[in-house]
Amino acid sequence: MYNKVQTDLKFVEREKEVLKFWADNNIFKKSIDSKKKVQLTHSMMDHQLPMVNHTLDT
């Protein structure tokens, strides 16, 4: 039913590969630059009133 999970995942090596990919492709800089281009928007959810507790104390 389920595929067996590998037990030799070598997390440190995998993490180093991810960090190298991010460095080689300037991922962090691209993420910062992409946020500079986005215009700020508002929605009705930004102006919600606080929740009111409507329980009766008896």
C-alpha atoms as a PDB file:
ATOM      1  CA  MET A   1       0.000   0.000   0.000  1.00  0.00           C
ATOM      2  CA  TYR A   2       2.750   2.472   0.972  1.00  0.00           C
ATOM      3  CA  ASN A   3       6.262   2.718  -0.380  1.00  0.00           C
ATOM      4  CA  LYS A   4       8.940   2.093   2.191  1.00  0.00           C
ATOM      5  CA  VAL A   5      10.649   5.276   3.381  1.00  0.00           C
ATOM      6  CA  GLN A   6      14.388   5.404   2.825  1.00  0.00           C
ATOM      7  CA  THR A   7      16.432   5.486   6.005  1.00  0.00           C
ATOM      8  CA  ASP A   8      19.654   6.764   4.437  1.00  0.00           C
ATOM      9  CA  LEU A   9      18.495  10.251   3.425  1.00  0.00           C
ATOM     10  CA  LYS A  10      21.765  11.983   4.363  1.00  0.00           C
ATOM     11  CA  PHE A  11      20.141  15.220   5.459  1.00  0.00           C
ATOM     12  CA  VAL A  12      23.367  17.215   5.749  1.00  0.00           C
ATOM     13  CA  GLU A  13      24.376  16.462   2.164  1.00  0.00           C
ATOM     14  CA  ARG A  14      20.886  17.257   0.877  1.00  0.00           C
ATOM     15  CA  GLU A  15      20.856  20.549   2.761  1.00  0.00           C
ATOM     16  CA  LYS A  16      24.235  21.485   1.280  1.00  0.00           C
ATOM     17  CA  GLU A  17      22.854  20.761  -2.204  1.00  0.00           C
ATOM     18  CA  VAL A  18      19.889  23.044  -1.553  1.00  0.00           C
ATOM     19  CA  LEU A  19      22.135  25.830  -0.259  1.00  0.00           C
ATOM     20  CA  LYS A  20      24.382  25.493  -3.318  1.00  0.00           C
ATOM     21  CA  PHE A  21      21.350  25.686  -5.618  1.00  0.00           C
ATOM     22  CA  TRP A  22      20.137  28.838  -3.841  1.00  0.00           C
ATOM     23  CA  ALA A  23      23.600  30.421  -4.077  1.00  0.00           C
ATOM     24  CA  ASP A  24      24.175  29.427  -7.716  1.00  0.00           C
ATOM     25  CA  ASN A  25      20.783  30.797  -8.789  1.00  0.00           C
ATOM     26  CA  ASN A  26      20.661  33.919  -6.541  1.00  0.00           C
ATOM     27  CA  ILE A  27      17.313  32.755  -5.164  1.00  0.00           C
ATOM     28  CA  PHE A  28      17.356  35.005  -2.087  1.00  0.00           C
ATOM     29  CA  LYS A  29      18.131  38.138  -4.118  1.00  0.00           C
ATOM     30  CA  LYS A  30      15.434  37.214  -6.643  1.00  0.00           C
ATOM     31  CA  SER A  31      12.876  36.811  -3.854  1.00  0.00           C
ATOM     32  CA  ILE A  32      13.756  40.252  -2.426  1.00  0.00           C
ATOM     33  CA  ASP A  33      13.677  41.877  -5.880  1.00  0.00           C
ATOM     34  CA  SER A  34      10.311  40.305  -6.705  1.00  0.00           C
ATOM     35  CA  LYS A  35       8.786  41.781  -3.544  1.00  0.00           C
ATOM     36  CA  LYS A  36       9.923  45.295  -4.556  1.00  0.00           C
ATOM     37  CA  LYS A  37       7.819  45.076  -7.729  1.00  0.00           C
ATOM     38  CA  VAL A  38       4.588  44.104  -5.958  1.00  0.00           C
ATOM     39  CA  GLN A  39       2.113  46.876  -5.230  1.00  0.00           C
ATOM     40  CA  LEU A  40       0.507  46.888  -1.824  1.00  0.00           C
ATOM     41  CA  THR A  41      -3.178  46.076  -1.852  1.00  0.00           C
ATOM     42  CA  HIS A  42      -5.908  46.152   0.747  1.00  0.00           C
ATOM     43  CA  SER A  43      -8.825  43.845   1.255  1.00  0.00           C
ATOM     44  CA  MET A  44     -11.879  43.911   3.431  1.00  0.00           C
ATOM     45  CA  MET A  45     -10.166  41.360   5.670  1.00  0.00           C
ATOM     46  CA  ASP A  46      -7.636  44.051   6.636  1.00  0.00           C
ATOM     47  CA  HIS A  47     -10.390  46.063   8.306  1.00  0.00           C
ATOM     48  CA  GLN A  48     -12.198  43.409  10.314  1.00  0.00           C
ATOM     49  CA  LEU A  49     -13.655  44.345  13.653  1.00  0.00           C
ATOM     50  CA  PRO A  50     -12.487  42.393  16.659  1.00  0.00           C
ATOM     51  CA  MET A  51     -14.534  39.331  17.579  1.00  0.00           C
ATOM     52  CA  VAL A  52     -17.160  39.947  20.250  1.00  0.00           C
ATOM     53  CA  ASN A  53     -17.990  37.343  22.825  1.00  0.00           C
ATOM     54  CA  HIS A  54     -21.761  36.955  22.852  1.00  0.00           C
ATOM     55  CA  THR A  55     -22.023  34.412  25.671  1.00  0.00           C
ATOM     56  CA  LEU A  56     -24.335  35.179  28.547  1.00  0.00           C
ATOM     57  CA  ASP A  57     -22.947  35.113  32.049  1.00  0.00           C
ATOM     58  CA  THR A  58     -25.605  33.618  34.287  1.00  0.00           C
END
